[in-house]
Amino acid sequence: MKESILDNKRILAVDDEPDILEVLKEEILSAAPKCRIDTATSYEKAVELLTSWSYDLVILDIMGVRGFDLLQLTTSRPNPIPTVMLTAHAFSPESFKQSVGLGARAYLPKERLGSVVPFLEDVLKYEYGHAWRRALKVLEGLFVKQWGAYWRSPNSTFWEEFDKKIAGEK
């Protein structure tokens, strides 16, 4: 088995659906058996864990656990924690834009849980821009299928600036 960058890392996964947390644990531990995964099903429990432990990576659901509030907590620290947004109900161009704007390192629809490990590995392996370029390469087709070819148009200035930002990094 190929060693994963996730091995020996501590990850916090937050979702109000316990079955999603179980799937995440199974996916991650199958690729990185030495990974430590803490879970929370509420905003309050997540805040308690974030103030009690140091994490290498955080995975947040958007709905049900105040995911955007938690994202602000993880990215506004003196040492920001790389954070991945995971969503089903809030899968929209607006929530994607808000995730990017608040500093998320990736945005993954729950229907792609089976491929969560490569996304998480990229977040830890690569700088911000390179990780986003890799994620968008995989997800762009899904975004176009779900939201239409012109999903970026209502916020074109934001996306132009984002594209410039991620293009500047190697």
N, C-alpha and C. Protein backbone atom coordinates (compact mmCIF):
# COMPACT_ATOMS: atom_id res chain seq x y z
N MET A 1 0.83 -1.18 0.00
CA MET A 1 0.00 0.00 0.00
C MET A 1 0.87 1.25 0.00
N LYS A 2 0.57 2.18 -0.89
CA LYS A 2 1.30 3.44 -0.99
C LYS A 2 1.01 4.29 0.25
N GLU A 3 2.06 4.87 0.82
CA GLU A 3 1.85 5.71 1.99
C GLU A 3 1.18 7.02 1.59
N SER A 4 0.28 7.46 2.42
CA SER A 4 -0.46 8.70 2.17
C SER A 4 0.10 9.83 3.02
N ILE A 5 0.08 11.02 2.49
CA ILE A 5 0.47 12.21 3.25
C ILE A 5 -0.46 12.42 4.46
N LEU A 6 -1.62 11.77 4.43
CA LEU A 6 -2.57 11.88 5.54
C LEU A 6 -2.16 11.06 6.75
N ASP A 7 -1.26 10.08 6.55
CA ASP A 7 -0.79 9.29 7.69
C ASP A 7 -0.13 10.20 8.71
N ASN A 8 -0.38 9.92 9.97
CA ASN A 8 0.17 10.66 11.09
C ASN A 8 -0.33 12.11 11.18
N LYS A 9 -1.39 12.42 10.46
CA LYS A 9 -2.02 13.74 10.55
C LYS A 9 -3.24 13.62 11.46
N ARG A 10 -3.63 14.74 12.01
CA ARG A 10 -4.85 14.80 12.83
C ARG A 10 -5.86 15.64 12.05
N ILE A 11 -7.02 15.04 11.80
CA ILE A 11 -8.08 15.65 11.01
C ILE A 11 -9.34 15.78 11.85
N LEU A 12 -10.02 16.91 11.70
CA LEU A 12 -11.33 17.09 12.30
C LEU A 12 -12.36 17.10 11.17
N ALA A 13 -13.37 16.24 11.29
CA ALA A 13 -14.47 16.20 10.33
C ALA A 13 -15.75 16.60 11.07
N VAL A 14 -16.49 17.56 10.48
CA VAL A 14 -17.70 18.09 11.13
C VAL A 14 -18.87 17.97 10.15
N ASP A 15 -19.88 17.24 10.57
CA ASP A 15 -21.09 17.08 9.77
C ASP A 15 -22.22 16.67 10.70
N ASP A 16 -23.42 17.16 10.46
CA ASP A 16 -24.54 16.79 11.32
C ASP A 16 -25.10 15.42 10.99
N GLU A 17 -24.57 14.77 9.95
CA GLU A 17 -25.01 13.43 9.57
C GLU A 17 -23.94 12.41 9.97
N PRO A 18 -24.17 11.64 11.03
CA PRO A 18 -23.18 10.66 11.49
C PRO A 18 -22.75 9.67 10.41
N ASP A 19 -23.66 9.30 9.49
CA ASP A 19 -23.28 8.35 8.45
C ASP A 19 -22.24 8.95 7.50
N ILE A 20 -22.31 10.24 7.26
CA ILE A 20 -21.29 10.91 6.42
C ILE A 20 -19.94 10.87 7.12
N LEU A 21 -19.94 11.11 8.42
CA LEU A 21 -18.69 11.04 9.18
C LEU A 21 -18.10 9.64 9.13
N GLU A 22 -18.94 8.62 9.19
CA GLU A 22 -18.45 7.23 9.11
C GLU A 22 -17.84 6.95 7.74
N VAL A 23 -18.49 7.41 6.68
CA VAL A 23 -17.94 7.22 5.33
C VAL A 23 -16.59 7.94 5.21
N LEU A 24 -16.52 9.16 5.70
CA LEU A 24 -15.25 9.89 5.66
C LEU A 24 -14.15 9.13 6.39
N LYS A 25 -14.46 8.65 7.58
CA LYS A 25 -13.47 7.89 8.34
C LYS A 25 -13.02 6.65 7.58
N GLU A 26 -13.98 5.91 7.02
CA GLU A 26 -13.63 4.71 6.26
C GLU A 26 -12.74 5.04 5.07
N GLU A 27 -13.11 6.05 4.31
CA GLU A 27 -12.33 6.44 3.13
C GLU A 27 -10.91 6.85 3.51
N ILE A 28 -10.81 7.70 4.52
CA ILE A 28 -9.50 8.22 4.91
C ILE A 28 -8.64 7.13 5.53
N LEU A 29 -9.21 6.36 6.45
CA LEU A 29 -8.41 5.32 7.13
C LEU A 29 -8.03 4.17 6.20
N SER A 30 -8.79 3.95 5.14
CA SER A 30 -8.38 2.91 4.20
C SER A 30 -7.12 3.33 3.44
N ALA A 31 -6.94 4.62 3.25
CA ALA A 31 -5.74 5.12 2.55
C ALA A 31 -4.63 5.51 3.52
N ALA A 32 -5.02 5.87 4.74
CA ALA A 32 -4.05 6.38 5.72
C ALA A 32 -4.39 5.82 7.11
N PRO A 33 -4.05 4.56 7.34
CA PRO A 33 -4.44 3.93 8.61
C PRO A 33 -3.84 4.56 9.86
N LYS A 34 -2.78 5.35 9.69
CA LYS A 34 -2.15 6.01 10.85
C LYS A 34 -2.69 7.42 11.08
N CYS A 35 -3.72 7.77 10.37
CA CYS A 35 -4.34 9.09 10.52
C CYS A 35 -5.25 9.09 11.75
N ARG A 36 -5.30 10.19 12.44
CA ARG A 36 -6.19 10.36 13.60
C ARG A 36 -7.35 11.25 13.14
N ILE A 37 -8.58 10.77 13.29
CA ILE A 37 -9.75 11.53 12.85
C ILE A 37 -10.68 11.75 14.03
N ASP A 38 -10.91 13.02 14.35
CA ASP A 38 -11.90 13.39 15.34
C ASP A 38 -13.14 13.84 14.59
N THR A 39 -14.31 13.63 15.19
CA THR A 39 -15.55 14.02 14.53
C THR A 39 -16.43 14.83 15.47
N ALA A 40 -17.26 15.66 14.85
CA ALA A 40 -18.24 16.44 15.59
C ALA A 40 -19.50 16.52 14.75
N THR A 41 -20.65 16.48 15.43
CA THR A 41 -21.93 16.59 14.72
C THR A 41 -22.63 17.91 15.01
N SER A 42 -21.93 18.82 15.69
CA SER A 42 -22.52 20.13 15.98
C SER A 42 -21.44 21.21 15.96
N TYR A 43 -21.89 22.43 15.79
CA TYR A 43 -21.00 23.58 15.82
C TYR A 43 -20.29 23.66 17.18
N GLU A 44 -21.04 23.50 18.24
CA GLU A 44 -20.49 23.63 19.59
C GLU A 44 -19.39 22.60 19.84
N LYS A 45 -19.62 21.35 19.46
CA LYS A 45 -18.61 20.30 19.64
C LYS A 45 -17.38 20.59 18.79
N ALA A 46 -17.60 21.09 17.58
CA ALA A 46 -16.47 21.42 16.70
C ALA A 46 -15.62 22.53 17.32
N VAL A 47 -16.25 23.55 17.86
CA VAL A 47 -15.51 24.64 18.50
C VAL A 47 -14.72 24.10 19.70
N GLU A 48 -15.34 23.24 20.48
CA GLU A 48 -14.66 22.63 21.63
C GLU A 48 -13.40 21.87 21.16
N LEU A 49 -13.53 21.08 20.11
CA LEU A 49 -12.38 20.32 19.61
C LEU A 49 -11.32 21.25 19.01
N LEU A 50 -11.75 22.26 18.28
CA LEU A 50 -10.79 23.20 17.67
C LEU A 50 -9.99 23.96 18.72
N THR A 51 -10.58 24.19 19.88
CA THR A 51 -9.85 24.90 20.93
C THR A 51 -9.06 23.95 21.83
N SER A 52 -9.29 22.66 21.70
CA SER A 52 -8.61 21.68 22.55
C SER A 52 -7.43 20.99 21.86
N TRP A 53 -7.44 20.93 20.55
CA TRP A 53 -6.44 20.16 19.80
C TRP A 53 -5.87 20.97 18.65
N SER A 54 -4.74 20.54 18.17
CA SER A 54 -4.16 21.11 16.95
C SER A 54 -4.49 20.17 15.81
N TYR A 55 -4.97 20.72 14.71
CA TYR A 55 -5.35 19.91 13.55
C TYR A 55 -4.51 20.28 12.35
N ASP A 56 -4.23 19.26 11.54
CA ASP A 56 -3.52 19.46 10.28
C ASP A 56 -4.49 19.80 9.16
N LEU A 57 -5.76 19.40 9.33
CA LEU A 57 -6.76 19.56 8.28
C LEU A 57 -8.14 19.50 8.92
N VAL A 58 -9.07 20.28 8.38
CA VAL A 58 -10.45 20.25 8.85
C VAL A 58 -11.37 20.07 7.65
N ILE A 59 -12.39 19.24 7.82
CA ILE A 59 -13.42 19.01 6.80
C ILE A 59 -14.74 19.47 7.39
N LEU A 60 -15.42 20.38 6.69
CA LEU A 60 -16.65 20.96 7.22
C LEU A 60 -17.82 20.80 6.27
N ASP A 61 -18.94 20.38 6.82
CA ASP A 61 -20.20 20.47 6.11
C ASP A 61 -20.64 21.93 6.19
N ILE A 62 -21.38 22.39 5.21
CA ILE A 62 -21.83 23.77 5.24
C ILE A 62 -23.11 23.91 6.05
N MET A 63 -24.09 23.08 5.76
CA MET A 63 -25.39 23.18 6.41
C MET A 63 -25.41 22.36 7.71
N GLY A 64 -26.21 22.80 8.66
CA GLY A 64 -26.45 22.01 9.86
C GLY A 64 -25.42 22.17 10.96
N VAL A 65 -24.21 22.64 10.64
CA VAL A 65 -23.18 22.80 11.66
C VAL A 65 -22.54 24.19 11.61
N ARG A 66 -23.20 25.11 10.91
CA ARG A 66 -22.67 26.47 10.75
C ARG A 66 -21.27 26.42 10.14
N GLY A 67 -21.17 25.72 9.03
CA GLY A 67 -19.89 25.49 8.38
C GLY A 67 -19.12 26.75 8.02
N PHE A 68 -19.81 27.79 7.57
CA PHE A 68 -19.11 29.02 7.22
C PHE A 68 -18.54 29.71 8.46
N ASP A 69 -19.26 29.65 9.58
CA ASP A 69 -18.74 30.20 10.83
C ASP A 69 -17.50 29.43 11.28
N LEU A 70 -17.55 28.11 11.16
CA LEU A 70 -16.38 27.29 11.51
C LEU A 70 -15.22 27.56 10.55
N LEU A 71 -15.52 27.75 9.27
CA LEU A 71 -14.48 28.07 8.29
C LEU A 71 -13.76 29.36 8.69
N GLN A 72 -14.52 30.35 9.11
CA GLN A 72 -13.89 31.60 9.56
C GLN A 72 -12.98 31.36 10.75
N LEU A 73 -13.38 30.46 11.66
CA LEU A 73 -12.53 30.14 12.81
C LEU A 73 -11.23 29.46 12.38
N THR A 74 -11.32 28.56 11.42
CA THR A 74 -10.11 27.81 11.02
C THR A 74 -9.16 28.63 10.17
N THR A 75 -9.69 29.56 9.40
CA THR A 75 -8.83 30.31 8.47
C THR A 75 -8.37 31.66 9.01
N SER A 76 -8.95 32.12 10.10
CA SER A 76 -8.57 33.43 10.63
C SER A 76 -7.58 33.34 11.79
N ARG A 77 -7.09 32.16 12.06
CA ARG A 77 -6.11 31.98 13.15
C ARG A 77 -4.74 32.48 12.71
N PRO A 78 -3.86 32.71 13.66
CA PRO A 78 -2.48 33.08 13.29
C PRO A 78 -1.83 32.01 12.39
N ASN A 79 -2.13 30.75 12.66
CA ASN A 79 -1.70 29.64 11.80
C ASN A 79 -2.95 28.98 11.26
N PRO A 80 -3.45 29.44 10.11
CA PRO A 80 -4.70 28.90 9.57
C PRO A 80 -4.62 27.39 9.35
N ILE A 81 -5.74 26.73 9.56
CA ILE A 81 -5.82 25.29 9.34
C ILE A 81 -6.41 25.07 7.95
N PRO A 82 -5.72 24.31 7.08
CA PRO A 82 -6.31 24.01 5.77
C PRO A 82 -7.69 23.37 5.96
N THR A 83 -8.67 23.92 5.27
CA THR A 83 -10.05 23.50 5.47
C THR A 83 -10.73 23.18 4.15
N VAL A 84 -11.42 22.06 4.14
CA VAL A 84 -12.15 21.58 2.97
C VAL A 84 -13.64 21.66 3.28
N MET A 85 -14.40 22.24 2.36
CA MET A 85 -15.85 22.31 2.52
C MET A 85 -16.47 21.13 1.79
N LEU A 86 -17.42 20.50 2.46
CA LEU A 86 -18.10 19.32 1.93
C LEU A 86 -19.60 19.60 2.00
N THR A 87 -20.30 19.43 0.90
CA THR A 87 -21.71 19.81 0.93
C THR A 87 -22.57 19.00 -0.02
N ALA A 88 -23.83 18.94 0.32
CA ALA A 88 -24.85 18.37 -0.57
C ALA A 88 -25.92 19.42 -0.79
N HIS A 89 -26.56 19.86 0.29
CA HIS A 89 -27.68 20.80 0.18
C HIS A 89 -27.25 22.20 -0.24
N ALA A 90 -26.04 22.60 0.13
CA ALA A 90 -25.57 23.94 -0.21
C ALA A 90 -24.65 23.91 -1.42
N PHE A 91 -24.80 22.92 -2.27
CA PHE A 91 -23.96 22.81 -3.47
C PHE A 91 -24.48 23.81 -4.50
N SER A 92 -23.87 24.99 -4.50
CA SER A 92 -24.31 26.06 -5.39
C SER A 92 -23.12 26.97 -5.71
N PRO A 93 -23.23 27.73 -6.79
CA PRO A 93 -22.15 28.68 -7.10
C PRO A 93 -21.93 29.68 -5.97
N GLU A 94 -23.00 30.08 -5.29
CA GLU A 94 -22.89 31.06 -4.22
C GLU A 94 -22.12 30.49 -3.02
N SER A 95 -22.43 29.26 -2.63
CA SER A 95 -21.71 28.68 -1.49
C SER A 95 -20.26 28.35 -1.87
N PHE A 96 -20.04 28.00 -3.12
CA PHE A 96 -18.67 27.78 -3.58
C PHE A 96 -17.88 29.08 -3.49
N LYS A 97 -18.47 30.17 -3.99
CA LYS A 97 -17.82 31.48 -3.94
C LYS A 97 -17.56 31.88 -2.49
N GLN A 98 -18.54 31.68 -1.62
CA GLN A 98 -18.36 32.04 -0.21
C GLN A 98 -17.25 31.20 0.42
N SER A 99 -17.18 29.93 0.09
CA SER A 99 -16.12 29.06 0.61
C SER A 99 -14.75 29.56 0.19
N VAL A 100 -14.61 29.88 -1.08
CA VAL A 100 -13.34 30.40 -1.59
C VAL A 100 -13.02 31.73 -0.91
N GLY A 101 -14.01 32.61 -0.83
CA GLY A 101 -13.80 33.92 -0.24
C GLY A 101 -13.38 33.88 1.22
N LEU A 102 -13.84 32.86 1.94
CA LEU A 102 -13.48 32.73 3.35
C LEU A 102 -12.20 31.92 3.57
N GLY A 103 -11.59 31.45 2.49
CA GLY A 103 -10.30 30.79 2.62
C GLY A 103 -10.28 29.28 2.56
N ALA A 104 -11.38 28.66 2.16
CA ALA A 104 -11.36 27.19 2.03
C ALA A 104 -10.31 26.77 1.02
N ARG A 105 -9.76 25.61 1.22
CA ARG A 105 -8.73 25.08 0.31
C ARG A 105 -9.30 24.13 -0.72
N ALA A 106 -10.53 23.67 -0.51
CA ALA A 106 -11.21 22.82 -1.50
C ALA A 106 -12.70 22.82 -1.19
N TYR A 107 -13.48 22.43 -2.17
CA TYR A 107 -14.94 22.40 -2.06
C TYR A 107 -15.37 21.13 -2.77
N LEU A 108 -16.00 20.24 -2.03
CA LEU A 108 -16.31 18.93 -2.58
C LEU A 108 -17.77 18.57 -2.35
N PRO A 109 -18.48 18.23 -3.42
CA PRO A 109 -19.85 17.76 -3.23
C PRO A 109 -19.83 16.38 -2.57
N LYS A 110 -20.81 16.12 -1.71
CA LYS A 110 -20.86 14.84 -0.99
C LYS A 110 -20.99 13.66 -1.94
N GLU A 111 -21.52 13.88 -3.11
CA GLU A 111 -21.63 12.77 -4.07
C GLU A 111 -20.25 12.28 -4.51
N ARG A 112 -19.20 13.03 -4.20
CA ARG A 112 -17.83 12.64 -4.54
C ARG A 112 -17.05 12.14 -3.33
N LEU A 113 -17.73 11.71 -2.29
CA LEU A 113 -17.05 11.22 -1.09
C LEU A 113 -16.07 10.09 -1.39
N GLY A 114 -16.38 9.29 -2.38
CA GLY A 114 -15.49 8.18 -2.74
C GLY A 114 -14.14 8.64 -3.26
N SER A 115 -14.01 9.91 -3.62
CA SER A 115 -12.72 10.43 -4.09
C SER A 115 -12.20 11.53 -3.18
N VAL A 116 -12.61 11.51 -1.91
CA VAL A 116 -12.19 12.55 -0.98
C VAL A 116 -10.70 12.50 -0.68
N VAL A 117 -10.11 11.32 -0.63
CA VAL A 117 -8.70 11.21 -0.23
C VAL A 117 -7.76 11.99 -1.15
N PRO A 118 -7.85 11.86 -2.48
CA PRO A 118 -6.96 12.65 -3.33
C PRO A 118 -7.12 14.17 -3.12
N PHE A 119 -8.34 14.62 -2.88
CA PHE A 119 -8.56 16.04 -2.61
C PHE A 119 -7.84 16.46 -1.33
N LEU A 120 -7.99 15.67 -0.28
CA LEU A 120 -7.35 15.99 0.99
C LEU A 120 -5.82 15.95 0.86
N GLU A 121 -5.32 14.96 0.14
CA GLU A 121 -3.87 14.88 -0.06
C GLU A 121 -3.35 16.10 -0.82
N ASP A 122 -4.09 16.53 -1.83
CA ASP A 122 -3.67 17.72 -2.59
C ASP A 122 -3.64 18.96 -1.71
N VAL A 123 -4.62 19.09 -0.83
CA VAL A 123 -4.66 20.25 0.06
C VAL A 123 -3.42 20.31 0.94
N LEU A 124 -2.95 19.15 1.39
CA LEU A 124 -1.76 19.13 2.23
C LEU A 124 -0.45 19.15 1.44
N LYS A 125 -0.48 18.65 0.22
CA LYS A 125 0.74 18.57 -0.60
C LYS A 125 1.10 19.87 -1.28
N TYR A 126 0.09 20.58 -1.76
CA TYR A 126 0.33 21.70 -2.67
C TYR A 126 -0.05 23.03 -2.05
N GLU A 127 0.58 24.06 -2.59
CA GLU A 127 0.22 25.41 -2.20
C GLU A 127 -1.21 25.70 -2.64
N TYR A 128 -1.78 26.76 -2.12
CA TYR A 128 -3.17 27.14 -2.36
C TYR A 128 -3.56 27.08 -3.84
N GLY A 129 -2.85 27.79 -4.68
CA GLY A 129 -3.21 27.88 -6.10
C GLY A 129 -3.13 26.56 -6.82
N HIS A 130 -2.06 25.83 -6.61
CA HIS A 130 -1.89 24.55 -7.29
C HIS A 130 -2.97 23.55 -6.85
N ALA A 131 -3.28 23.54 -5.56
CA ALA A 131 -4.32 22.63 -5.06
C ALA A 131 -5.67 22.98 -5.68
N TRP A 132 -5.99 24.27 -5.77
CA TRP A 132 -7.26 24.67 -6.38
C TRP A 132 -7.29 24.34 -7.87
N ARG A 133 -6.18 24.55 -8.56
CA ARG A 133 -6.15 24.21 -10.00
C ARG A 133 -6.43 22.73 -10.20
N ARG A 134 -5.83 21.88 -9.36
CA ARG A 134 -6.06 20.44 -9.47
C ARG A 134 -7.52 20.10 -9.15
N ALA A 135 -8.08 20.71 -8.11
CA ALA A 135 -9.47 20.44 -7.75
C ALA A 135 -10.42 20.88 -8.85
N LEU A 136 -10.19 22.06 -9.39
CA LEU A 136 -11.08 22.56 -10.44
C LEU A 136 -11.00 21.74 -11.71
N LYS A 137 -9.83 21.21 -11.99
CA LYS A 137 -9.68 20.34 -13.16
C LYS A 137 -10.61 19.13 -13.05
N VAL A 138 -10.74 18.60 -11.84
CA VAL A 138 -11.59 17.43 -11.59
C VAL A 138 -13.07 17.82 -11.53
N LEU A 139 -13.36 18.97 -10.93
CA LEU A 139 -14.75 19.33 -10.64
C LEU A 139 -15.43 20.23 -11.67
N GLU A 140 -14.66 20.87 -12.52
CA GLU A 140 -15.25 21.84 -13.47
C GLU A 140 -16.39 21.24 -14.28
N GLY A 141 -16.23 20.02 -14.76
CA GLY A 141 -17.29 19.37 -15.54
C GLY A 141 -18.57 19.19 -14.73
N LEU A 142 -18.42 18.82 -13.45
CA LEU A 142 -19.57 18.67 -12.58
C LEU A 142 -20.25 20.02 -12.35
N PHE A 143 -19.45 21.06 -12.14
CA PHE A 143 -20.02 22.39 -11.94
C PHE A 143 -20.81 22.84 -13.17
N VAL A 144 -20.26 22.63 -14.35
CA VAL A 144 -20.95 23.02 -15.58
C VAL A 144 -22.24 22.21 -15.73
N LYS A 145 -22.16 20.92 -15.44
CA LYS A 145 -23.35 20.06 -15.56
C LYS A 145 -24.45 20.50 -14.59
N GLN A 146 -24.07 20.82 -13.36
CA GLN A 146 -25.04 21.19 -12.32
C GLN A 146 -25.55 22.62 -12.46
N TRP A 147 -24.64 23.55 -12.79
CA TRP A 147 -24.96 24.96 -12.71
C TRP A 147 -25.04 25.67 -14.06
N GLY A 148 -24.64 24.98 -15.13
CA GLY A 148 -24.65 25.59 -16.45
C GLY A 148 -23.30 26.14 -16.83
N ALA A 149 -23.09 26.32 -18.11
CA ALA A 149 -21.78 26.75 -18.64
C ALA A 149 -21.36 28.13 -18.15
N TYR A 150 -22.31 28.95 -17.78
CA TYR A 150 -21.98 30.33 -17.41
C TYR A 150 -22.16 30.58 -15.91
N TRP A 151 -21.89 29.56 -15.09
CA TRP A 151 -22.11 29.67 -13.66
C TRP A 151 -21.26 30.75 -13.00
N ARG A 152 -20.15 31.11 -13.60
CA ARG A 152 -19.30 32.14 -13.01
C ARG A 152 -19.76 33.56 -13.38
N SER A 153 -20.59 33.70 -14.38
CA SER A 153 -20.96 35.02 -14.91
C SER A 153 -21.50 36.00 -13.87
N PRO A 154 -22.41 35.62 -12.99
CA PRO A 154 -22.94 36.60 -12.04
C PRO A 154 -21.86 37.20 -11.12
N ASN A 155 -20.75 36.51 -10.98
CA ASN A 155 -19.65 36.98 -10.12
C ASN A 155 -18.34 37.00 -10.90
N SER A 156 -18.40 37.45 -12.12
CA SER A 156 -17.24 37.33 -13.02
C SER A 156 -15.99 38.03 -12.48
N THR A 157 -16.15 39.19 -11.85
CA THR A 157 -14.98 39.89 -11.32
C THR A 157 -14.30 39.06 -10.23
N PHE A 158 -15.09 38.49 -9.32
CA PHE A 158 -14.54 37.64 -8.27
C PHE A 158 -13.75 36.48 -8.87
N TRP A 159 -14.35 35.80 -9.86
CA TRP A 159 -13.71 34.62 -10.45
C TRP A 159 -12.48 34.99 -11.27
N GLU A 160 -12.48 36.15 -11.91
CA GLU A 160 -11.28 36.60 -12.63
C GLU A 160 -10.13 36.81 -11.65
N GLU A 161 -10.42 37.44 -10.52
CA GLU A 161 -9.39 37.66 -9.50
C GLU A 161 -8.91 36.33 -8.91
N PHE A 162 -9.84 35.42 -8.67
CA PHE A 162 -9.48 34.10 -8.16
C PHE A 162 -8.59 33.37 -9.15
N ASP A 163 -8.94 33.39 -10.43
CA ASP A 163 -8.14 32.73 -11.46
C ASP A 163 -6.73 33.32 -11.51
N LYS A 164 -6.62 34.63 -11.40
CA LYS A 164 -5.28 35.27 -11.39
C LYS A 164 -4.49 34.82 -10.17
N LYS A 165 -5.18 34.76 -9.03
CA LYS A 165 -4.50 34.36 -7.79
C LYS A 165 -3.97 32.93 -7.88
N ILE A 166 -4.78 32.01 -8.37
CA ILE A 166 -4.31 30.62 -8.42
C ILE A 166 -3.35 30.37 -9.57
N ALA A 167 -3.40 31.21 -10.62
CA ALA A 167 -2.48 31.04 -11.75
C ALA A 167 -1.07 31.48 -11.38
N GLY A 168 -0.95 32.38 -10.41
CA GLY A 168 0.36 32.93 -10.04
C GLY A 168 1.24 31.99 -9.25
N GLU A 169 0.69 30.91 -8.73
CA GLU A 169 1.49 29.97 -7.93
C GLU A 169 1.90 28.77 -8.75
N LYS A 170 3.07 28.31 -8.49
CA LYS A 170 3.56 27.08 -9.15
C LYS A 170 3.11 25.89 -8.38
